């Protein structure tokens, strides 16, 4: 006898456990065991106003970010949609079946920019790894990190790699043999050079040297003197380049 599907009847009350619907071997269960975000509200308290409408819970924001990184979800909109639909993601974010998911436009842009929360979380995770015997705490890991370098030129003029850096003198030497320094003026008391907001230091050649240089057309044809930018993180960038 052919059976027929019974139409579902709306129930006034029902029981549903998100916990019971997440498999025991799900990846997020393994991750959740090492995620301790209990102290971040207190850590971030100075960065939130005491008045106005309540913001998104910082722990929820961090848990959503972790899902995005672990599951390779780069789109802000898609991350919110996936957390809304996926029971395992809801469980990891401590959201019940009826709890709303934050709007994608408010999720993480600029949320923790003025705090050191990410460093705090990183150090907490490293401490947990050391406690579990997964790391020694002696940073013997070789970092394979791509270096984004925008110093390349397309007009045929000399690039930064054509200039030789002297770490002891903190100067660059141009292809013409002249020095580029951060300070062209001699001060009685040496002045500490401060990088700009992007962490870059500027080294400048002497205009007098550039004016009579035979290589000026290949170096700085549209500028009175050549300058070279150097990141304050250049030693680490050079190590990453060598590893690559």
C-alpha atoms as a PDB file:
ATOM      1  CA  UNK A   1       0.000   0.000   0.000  1.00  0.00           C
ATOM      2  CA  UNK A   2       1.459   3.330  -1.017  1.00  0.00           C
ATOM      3  CA  UNK A   3       2.110   5.584   1.899  1.00  0.00           C
ATOM      4  CA  UNK A   4       1.419   9.307   1.787  1.00  0.00           C
ATOM      5  CA  UNK A   5       3.378  12.022   3.477  1.00  0.00           C
ATOM      6  CA  UNK A   6       1.555  13.609   6.342  1.00  0.00           C
ATOM      7  CA  UNK A   7       1.544  17.395   6.265  1.00  0.00           C
ATOM      8  CA  UNK A   8       3.400  18.857   9.234  1.00  0.00           C
ATOM      9  CA  UNK A   9       1.213  20.455  11.835  1.00  0.00           C
ATOM     10  CA  UNK A  10       2.350  23.626  13.559  1.00  0.00           C
ATOM     11  CA  UNK A  11       3.297  22.877  17.148  1.00  0.00           C
ATOM     12  CA  UNK A  12       2.728  25.275  19.955  1.00  0.00           C
ATOM     13  CA  UNK A  13       5.805  23.970  21.771  1.00  0.00           C
ATOM     14  CA  UNK A  14       8.798  21.957  20.665  1.00  0.00           C
ATOM     15  CA  UNK A  15      12.232  21.021  21.943  1.00  0.00           C
ATOM     16  CA  UNK A  16      15.309  21.433  19.783  1.00  0.00           C
ATOM     17  CA  UNK A  17      18.935  21.189  20.858  1.00  0.00           C
ATOM     18  CA  UNK A  18      21.570  22.642  18.544  1.00  0.00           C
ATOM     19  CA  UNK A  19      24.177  20.808  20.628  1.00  0.00           C
ATOM     20  CA  UNK A  20      22.628  17.428  19.778  1.00  0.00           C
ATOM     21  CA  UNK A  21      22.801  18.106  16.036  1.00  0.00           C
ATOM     22  CA  UNK A  22      26.550  18.804  15.854  1.00  0.00           C
ATOM     23  CA  UNK A  23      28.537  15.577  15.178  1.00  0.00           C
ATOM     24  CA  UNK A  24      31.065  14.613  17.820  1.00  0.00           C
ATOM     25  CA  UNK A  25      33.852  14.551  15.236  1.00  0.00           C
ATOM     26  CA  UNK A  26      33.054  17.949  13.697  1.00  0.00           C
ATOM     27  CA  UNK A  27      36.120  20.147  13.228  1.00  0.00           C
ATOM     28  CA  UNK A  28      34.607  23.019  15.192  1.00  0.00           C
ATOM     29  CA  UNK A  29      34.232  20.802  18.260  1.00  0.00           C
ATOM     30  CA  UNK A  30      37.985  20.201  18.202  1.00  0.00           C
ATOM     31  CA  UNK A  31      38.639  23.924  17.781  1.00  0.00           C
ATOM     32  CA  UNK A  32      36.150  24.945  20.448  1.00  0.00           C
ATOM     33  CA  UNK A  33      38.041  22.948  23.057  1.00  0.00           C
ATOM     34  CA  UNK A  34      40.934  25.425  22.803  1.00  0.00           C
ATOM     35  CA  UNK A  35      38.962  28.651  22.374  1.00  0.00           C
ATOM     36  CA  UNK A  36      38.719  30.582  25.627  1.00  0.00           C
ATOM     37  CA  UNK A  37      37.154  34.006  25.090  1.00  0.00           C
ATOM     38  CA  UNK A  38      35.818  34.516  28.579  1.00  0.00           C
ATOM     39  CA  UNK A  39      37.954  37.544  29.340  1.00  0.00           C
ATOM     40  CA  UNK A  40      37.620  39.573  26.158  1.00  0.00           C
ATOM     41  CA  UNK A  41      34.602  41.598  27.349  1.00  0.00           C
ATOM     42  CA  UNK A  42      36.586  42.911  30.294  1.00  0.00           C
ATOM     43  CA  UNK A  43      39.624  43.414  28.051  1.00  0.00           C
ATOM     44  CA  UNK A  44      37.593  45.530  25.607  1.00  0.00           C
ATOM     45  CA  UNK A  45      35.469  47.418  28.126  1.00  0.00           C
ATOM     46  CA  UNK A  46      37.428  50.721  27.761  1.00  0.00           C
ATOM     47  CA  UNK A  47      36.703  50.755  24.010  1.00  0.00           C
ATOM     48  CA  UNK A  48      32.903  50.661  24.333  1.00  0.00           C
ATOM     49  CA  UNK A  49      30.580  53.490  25.265  1.00  0.00           C
ATOM     50  CA  UNK A  50      28.520  53.230  28.434  1.00  0.00           C
ATOM     51  CA  UNK A  51      25.492  54.714  26.657  1.00  0.00           C
ATOM     52  CA  UNK A  52      23.609  54.078  23.457  1.00  0.00           C
ATOM     53  CA  UNK A  53      22.321  50.909  21.826  1.00  0.00           C
ATOM     54  CA  UNK A  54      24.194  47.692  22.748  1.00  0.00           C
ATOM     55  CA  UNK A  55      26.791  46.619  20.194  1.00  0.00           C
ATOM     56  CA  UNK A  56      27.454  43.157  18.805  1.00  0.00           C
ATOM     57  CA  UNK A  57      28.904  40.850  21.465  1.00  0.00           C
ATOM     58  CA  UNK A  58      32.702  40.829  20.892  1.00  0.00           C
ATOM     59  CA  UNK A  59      32.900  37.101  21.624  1.00  0.00           C
ATOM     60  CA  UNK A  60      30.300  36.431  18.910  1.00  0.00           C
ATOM     61  CA  UNK A  61      32.267  38.579  16.473  1.00  0.00           C
ATOM     62  CA  UNK A  62      35.510  36.711  17.184  1.00  0.00           C
ATOM     63  CA  UNK A  63      33.821  33.311  16.876  1.00  0.00           C
ATOM     64  CA  UNK A  64      32.346  34.311  13.520  1.00  0.00           C
ATOM     65  CA  UNK A  65      35.789  35.475  12.375  1.00  0.00           C
ATOM     66  CA  UNK A  66      37.275  32.124  13.361  1.00  0.00           C
ATOM     67  CA  UNK A  67      34.650  30.302  11.303  1.00  0.00           C
ATOM     68  CA  UNK A  68      35.435  32.516   8.336  1.00  0.00           C
ATOM     69  CA  UNK A  69      39.175  31.799   8.570  1.00  0.00           C
ATOM     70  CA  UNK A  70      38.842  28.073   9.274  1.00  0.00           C
ATOM     71  CA  UNK A  71      36.216  27.414   6.598  1.00  0.00           C
ATOM     72  CA  UNK A  72      37.687  29.744   4.015  1.00  0.00           C
ATOM     73  CA  UNK A  73      34.691  32.086   3.907  1.00  0.00           C
ATOM     74  CA  UNK A  74      36.044  35.435   2.731  1.00  0.00           C
ATOM     75  CA  UNK A  75      32.797  37.222   1.980  1.00  0.00           C
ATOM     76  CA  UNK A  76      31.315  39.117   4.912  1.00  0.00           C
ATOM     77  CA  UNK A  77      27.790  38.652   3.582  1.00  0.00           C
ATOM     78  CA  UNK A  78      28.260  34.935   2.958  1.00  0.00           C
ATOM     79  CA  UNK A  79      29.744  34.404   6.430  1.00  0.00           C
ATOM     80  CA  UNK A  80      26.614  35.832   8.029  1.00  0.00           C
ATOM     81  CA  UNK A  81      24.404  33.702   5.771  1.00  0.00           C
ATOM     82  CA  UNK A  82      26.344  30.540   6.587  1.00  0.00           C
ATOM     83  CA  UNK A  83      26.191  31.162  10.346  1.00  0.00           C
ATOM     84  CA  UNK A  84      22.449  31.750   9.972  1.00  0.00           C
ATOM     85  CA  UNK A  85      21.894  28.436   8.155  1.00  0.00           C
ATOM     86  CA  UNK A  86      24.529  26.051   9.534  1.00  0.00           C
ATOM     87  CA  UNK A  87      23.727  24.427  12.880  1.00  0.00           C
ATOM     88  CA  UNK A  88      27.385  23.667  13.641  1.00  0.00           C
ATOM     89  CA  UNK A  89      28.289  27.308  13.058  1.00  0.00           C
ATOM     90  CA  UNK A  90      25.431  28.432  15.311  1.00  0.00           C
ATOM     91  CA  UNK A  91      26.623  26.056  18.005  1.00  0.00           C
ATOM     92  CA  UNK A  92      30.215  27.352  17.776  1.00  0.00           C
ATOM     93  CA  UNK A  93      28.939  30.954  17.977  1.00  0.00           C
ATOM     94  CA  UNK A  94      26.779  30.099  21.015  1.00  0.00           C
ATOM     95  CA  UNK A  95      23.630  31.019  19.080  1.00  0.00           C
ATOM     96  CA  UNK A  96      20.333  29.247  19.649  1.00  0.00           C
ATOM     97  CA  UNK A  97      18.008  28.386  16.793  1.00  0.00           C
ATOM     98  CA  UNK A  98      16.084  31.638  17.108  1.00  0.00           C
ATOM     99  CA  UNK A  99      18.977  33.976  17.945  1.00  0.00           C
ATOM    100  CA  UNK A 100      19.632  36.609  15.238  1.00  0.00           C
ATOM    101  CA  UNK A 101      22.946  36.760  13.379  1.00  0.00           C
ATOM    102  CA  UNK A 102      24.660  40.193  13.224  1.00  0.00           C
ATOM    103  CA  UNK A 103      24.313  42.151  10.012  1.00  0.00           C
ATOM    104  CA  UNK A 104      27.221  41.674   7.611  1.00  0.00           C
ATOM    105  CA  UNK A 105      27.924  45.409   7.421  1.00  0.00           C
ATOM    106  CA  UNK A 106      28.621  45.597  11.160  1.00  0.00           C
ATOM    107  CA  UNK A 107      30.581  42.428  11.694  1.00  0.00           C
ATOM    108  CA  UNK A 108      34.245  43.305  11.890  1.00  0.00           C
ATOM    109  CA  UNK A 109      35.270  46.408   9.941  1.00  0.00           C
ATOM    110  CA  UNK A 110      37.204  48.581  12.372  1.00  0.00           C
ATOM    111  CA  UNK A 111      35.747  46.733  15.336  1.00  0.00           C
ATOM    112  CA  UNK A 112      38.985  46.154  17.272  1.00  0.00           C
ATOM    113  CA  UNK A 113      41.281  48.543  15.421  1.00  0.00           C
ATOM    114  CA  UNK A 114      42.212  50.637  18.464  1.00  0.00           C
ATOM    115  CA  UNK A 115      42.819  47.740  20.848  1.00  0.00           C
ATOM    116  CA  UNK A 116      45.456  45.025  21.112  1.00  0.00           C
ATOM    117  CA  UNK A 117      42.792  42.302  21.226  1.00  0.00           C
ATOM    118  CA  UNK A 118      44.156  40.251  18.346  1.00  0.00           C
ATOM    119  CA  UNK A 119      47.607  40.130  19.961  1.00  0.00           C
ATOM    120  CA  UNK A 120      45.958  39.188  23.253  1.00  0.00           C
ATOM    121  CA  UNK A 121      44.076  36.330  21.567  1.00  0.00           C
ATOM    122  CA  UNK A 122      47.198  35.180  19.742  1.00  0.00           C
ATOM    123  CA  UNK A 123      49.208  35.016  22.963  1.00  0.00           C
ATOM    124  CA  UNK A 124      46.367  33.148  24.683  1.00  0.00           C
ATOM    125  CA  UNK A 125      46.266  30.559  21.888  1.00  0.00           C
ATOM    126  CA  UNK A 126      50.053  30.125  21.975  1.00  0.00           C
ATOM    127  CA  UNK A 127      49.942  29.635  25.744  1.00  0.00           C
ATOM    128  CA  UNK A 128      47.264  26.951  25.275  1.00  0.00           C
ATOM    129  CA  UNK A 129      49.384  25.212  22.638  1.00  0.00           C
ATOM    130  CA  UNK A 130      52.382  25.205  24.986  1.00  0.00           C
ATOM    131  CA  UNK A 131      50.256  23.791  27.808  1.00  0.00           C
ATOM    132  CA  UNK A 132      49.033  20.990  25.501  1.00  0.00           C
ATOM    133  CA  UNK A 133      52.555  20.176  24.329  1.00  0.00           C
ATOM    134  CA  UNK A 134      51.901  21.330  20.766  1.00  0.00           C
ATOM    135  CA  UNK A 135      54.566  24.053  20.900  1.00  0.00           C
ATOM    136  CA  UNK A 136      57.724  24.593  22.931  1.00  0.00           C
ATOM    137  CA  UNK A 137      57.476  28.370  23.245  1.00  0.00           C
ATOM    138  CA  UNK A 138      60.963  28.836  21.748  1.00  0.00           C
ATOM    139  CA  UNK A 139      59.392  30.360  18.103  1.00  0.00           C
ATOM    140  CA  UNK A 140      61.605  27.694  16.066  1.00  0.00           C
ATOM    141  CA  UNK A 141      58.905  27.735  13.358  1.00  0.00           C
ATOM    142  CA  UNK A 142      59.983  28.935   9.915  1.00  0.00           C
ATOM    143  CA  UNK A 143      57.442  31.505   8.683  1.00  0.00           C
ATOM    144  CA  UNK A 144      56.472  31.204   5.024  1.00  0.00           C
ATOM    145  CA  UNK A 145      54.869  34.591   4.500  1.00  0.00           C
ATOM    146  CA  UNK A 146      54.639  36.317   1.107  1.00  0.00           C
ATOM    147  CA  UNK A 147      56.157  39.786   0.986  1.00  0.00           C
ATOM    148  CA  UNK A 148      54.063  42.389  -0.770  1.00  0.00           C
ATOM    149  CA  UNK A 149      56.468  44.848  -2.385  1.00  0.00           C
ATOM    150  CA  UNK A 150      55.224  47.870  -4.328  1.00  0.00           C
ATOM    151  CA  UNK A 151      58.639  49.390  -5.008  1.00  0.00           C
ATOM    152  CA  UNK A 152      58.836  48.085  -8.593  1.00  0.00           C
ATOM    153  CA  UNK A 153      58.835  50.737 -11.328  1.00  0.00           C
ATOM    154  CA  UNK A 154      57.456  50.518 -14.841  1.00  0.00           C
ATOM    155  CA  UNK A 155      59.075  53.595 -16.368  1.00  0.00           C
ATOM    156  CA  UNK A 156      62.549  52.117 -16.707  1.00  0.00           C
ATOM    157  CA  UNK A 157      64.085  54.115 -13.859  1.00  0.00           C
ATOM    158  CA  UNK A 158      66.162  52.566 -11.090  1.00  0.00           C
ATOM    159  CA  UNK A 159      64.211  50.576  -8.507  1.00  0.00           C
ATOM    160  CA  UNK A 160      64.905  50.354  -4.801  1.00  0.00           C
ATOM    161  CA  UNK A 161      66.733  47.061  -5.320  1.00  0.00           C
ATOM    162  CA  UNK A 162      69.306  48.984  -7.394  1.00  0.00           C
ATOM    163  CA  UNK A 163      70.298  50.887  -4.240  1.00  0.00           C
ATOM    164  CA  UNK A 164      72.611  49.250  -1.670  1.00  0.00           C
ATOM    165  CA  UNK A 165      71.698  49.561   2.000  1.00  0.00           C
ATOM    166  CA  UNK A 166      74.391  49.896   4.669  1.00  0.00           C
ATOM    167  CA  UNK A 167      72.888  48.839   7.997  1.00  0.00           C
ATOM    168  CA  UNK A 168      75.817  50.105  10.055  1.00  0.00           C
ATOM    169  CA  UNK A 169      75.698  53.613   8.567  1.00  0.00           C
ATOM    170  CA  UNK A 170      71.926  53.504   7.953  1.00  0.00           C
ATOM    171  CA  UNK A 171      72.375  54.843   4.434  1.00  0.00           C
ATOM    172  CA  UNK A 172      71.634  53.807   0.863  1.00  0.00           C
ATOM    173  CA  UNK A 173      74.167  54.067  -1.973  1.00  0.00           C
ATOM    174  CA  UNK A 174      72.780  54.832  -5.415  1.00  0.00           C
ATOM    175  CA  UNK A 175      74.056  53.321  -8.710  1.00  0.00           C
ATOM    176  CA  UNK A 176      76.098  56.501  -9.136  1.00  0.00           C
ATOM    177  CA  UNK A 177      77.958  55.932  -5.856  1.00  0.00           C
ATOM    178  CA  UNK A 178      76.282  58.736  -3.855  1.00  0.00           C
ATOM    179  CA  UNK A 179      74.712  58.370  -0.399  1.00  0.00           C
ATOM    180  CA  UNK A 180      71.059  58.745   0.480  1.00  0.00           C
ATOM    181  CA  UNK A 181      70.436  59.688   4.120  1.00  0.00           C
ATOM    182  CA  UNK A 182      67.423  60.341   6.297  1.00  0.00           C
ATOM    183  CA  UNK A 183      68.903  63.669   7.349  1.00  0.00           C
ATOM    184  CA  UNK A 184      70.750  65.893   4.928  1.00  0.00           C
ATOM    185  CA  UNK A 185      71.382  68.526   7.613  1.00  0.00           C
ATOM    186  CA  UNK A 186      74.002  68.192  10.347  1.00  0.00           C
ATOM    187  CA  UNK A 187      72.431  68.671  13.786  1.00  0.00           C
ATOM    188  CA  UNK A 188      74.389  69.246  16.981  1.00  0.00           C
ATOM    189  CA  UNK A 189      72.239  66.606  18.652  1.00  0.00           C
ATOM    190  CA  UNK A 190      71.257  63.650  16.516  1.00  0.00           C
ATOM    191  CA  UNK A 191      67.541  63.533  15.862  1.00  0.00           C
ATOM    192  CA  UNK A 192      65.564  60.323  16.100  1.00  0.00           C
ATOM    193  CA  UNK A 193      63.882  59.515  12.819  1.00  0.00           C
ATOM    194  CA  UNK A 194      60.245  58.545  13.072  1.00  0.00           C
ATOM    195  CA  UNK A 195      58.428  56.514  10.431  1.00  0.00           C
ATOM    196  CA  UNK A 196      55.221  57.716   8.831  1.00  0.00           C
ATOM    197  CA  UNK A 197      51.803  56.212   9.541  1.00  0.00           C
ATOM    198  CA  UNK A 198      52.646  53.290   7.232  1.00  0.00           C
ATOM    199  CA  UNK A 199      55.909  52.468   9.014  1.00  0.00           C
ATOM    200  CA  UNK A 200      58.090  53.873   6.232  1.00  0.00           C
ATOM    201  CA  UNK A 201      61.365  55.816   6.541  1.00  0.00           C
ATOM    202  CA  UNK A 202      62.589  58.195   3.791  1.00  0.00           C
ATOM    203  CA  UNK A 203      66.162  58.360   2.560  1.00  0.00           C
ATOM    204  CA  UNK A 204      67.053  61.319   0.324  1.00  0.00           C
ATOM    205  CA  UNK A 205      69.948  62.073  -1.995  1.00  0.00           C
ATOM    206  CA  UNK A 206      71.580  65.476  -2.198  1.00  0.00           C
ATOM    207  CA  UNK A 207      70.109  67.741  -4.883  1.00  0.00           C
ATOM    208  CA  UNK A 208      73.622  68.913  -5.676  1.00  0.00           C
ATOM    209  CA  UNK A 209      74.684  65.316  -6.360  1.00  0.00           C
ATOM    210  CA  UNK A 210      71.618  64.593  -8.495  1.00  0.00           C
ATOM    211  CA  UNK A 211      71.947  67.797 -10.555  1.00  0.00           C
ATOM    212  CA  UNK A 212      75.336  66.797 -11.994  1.00  0.00           C
ATOM    213  CA  UNK A 213      74.768  63.028 -12.120  1.00  0.00           C
ATOM    214  CA  UNK A 214      74.918  61.400 -15.560  1.00  0.00           C
ATOM    215  CA  UNK A 215      72.361  58.814 -14.406  1.00  0.00           C
ATOM    216  CA  UNK A 216      69.670  61.325 -13.389  1.00  0.00           C
ATOM    217  CA  UNK A 217      67.531  60.552 -16.447  1.00  0.00           C
ATOM    218  CA  UNK A 218      67.397  56.900 -15.338  1.00  0.00           C
ATOM    219  CA  UNK A 219      66.937  57.711 -11.671  1.00  0.00           C
ATOM    220  CA  UNK A 220      64.758  60.763 -10.976  1.00  0.00           C
ATOM    221  CA  UNK A 221      64.023  62.580 -14.255  1.00  0.00           C
ATOM    222  CA  UNK A 222      60.964  64.365 -12.851  1.00  0.00           C
ATOM    223  CA  UNK A 223      62.244  65.095  -9.344  1.00  0.00           C
ATOM    224  CA  UNK A 224      65.058  67.359  -8.096  1.00  0.00           C
ATOM    225  CA  UNK A 225      66.586  64.504  -6.069  1.00  0.00           C
ATOM    226  CA  UNK A 226      66.007  60.805  -5.569  1.00  0.00           C
ATOM    227  CA  UNK A 227      64.408  59.355  -2.471  1.00  0.00           C
ATOM    228  CA  UNK A 228      64.038  55.750  -1.331  1.00  0.00           C
ATOM    229  CA  UNK A 229      61.463  54.372   1.108  1.00  0.00           C
ATOM    230  CA  UNK A 230      62.377  51.680   3.621  1.00  0.00           C
ATOM    231  CA  UNK A 231      60.015  49.833   5.938  1.00  0.00           C
ATOM    232  CA  UNK A 232      60.885  49.613   9.625  1.00  0.00           C
ATOM    233  CA  UNK A 233      60.122  45.888   9.196  1.00  0.00           C
ATOM    234  CA  UNK A 234      62.556  45.465   6.314  1.00  0.00           C
ATOM    235  CA  UNK A 235      64.883  43.038   8.211  1.00  0.00           C
ATOM    236  CA  UNK A 236      61.944  40.679   8.766  1.00  0.00           C
ATOM    237  CA  UNK A 237      60.796  41.183   5.172  1.00  0.00           C
ATOM    238  CA  UNK A 238      64.281  40.291   3.933  1.00  0.00           C
ATOM    239  CA  UNK A 239      64.243  37.109   6.005  1.00  0.00           C
ATOM    240  CA  UNK A 240      60.886  36.155   4.511  1.00  0.00           C
ATOM    241  CA  UNK A 241      62.253  36.822   1.019  1.00  0.00           C
ATOM    242  CA  UNK A 242      65.281  34.607   1.725  1.00  0.00           C
ATOM    243  CA  UNK A 243      63.062  31.761   2.963  1.00  0.00           C
ATOM    244  CA  UNK A 244      60.847  32.061  -0.112  1.00  0.00           C
END
